[in-house]
């Protein structure tokens, strides 16, 4: 799957992943390969992903929007910062 994480001024992440877990408005949820198309709002919280190389990356995200369509995922938020593991 292809993931892009964007803020108004820059691209935070762009690459291939195997999974991503996001802070949904109602509860956290994961997106895996071949997920149904969807658009969702996101709350402040942790966004974690696993790259296709097996690297775990963790971000703190403020409110945002997610779009999933044909194994392409786009996350838009005003503010996102990476957490060092």
Foldseek 3Di string as FASTA:
>chain_A
DWEWEDAPPDTPDTAAFQKKWFAFPVGIDMDGPPDDWDKGKGAFDKMWTAHPVGDIWIKTFHIWMWTDDNNYIYTYGNDMDTDDD
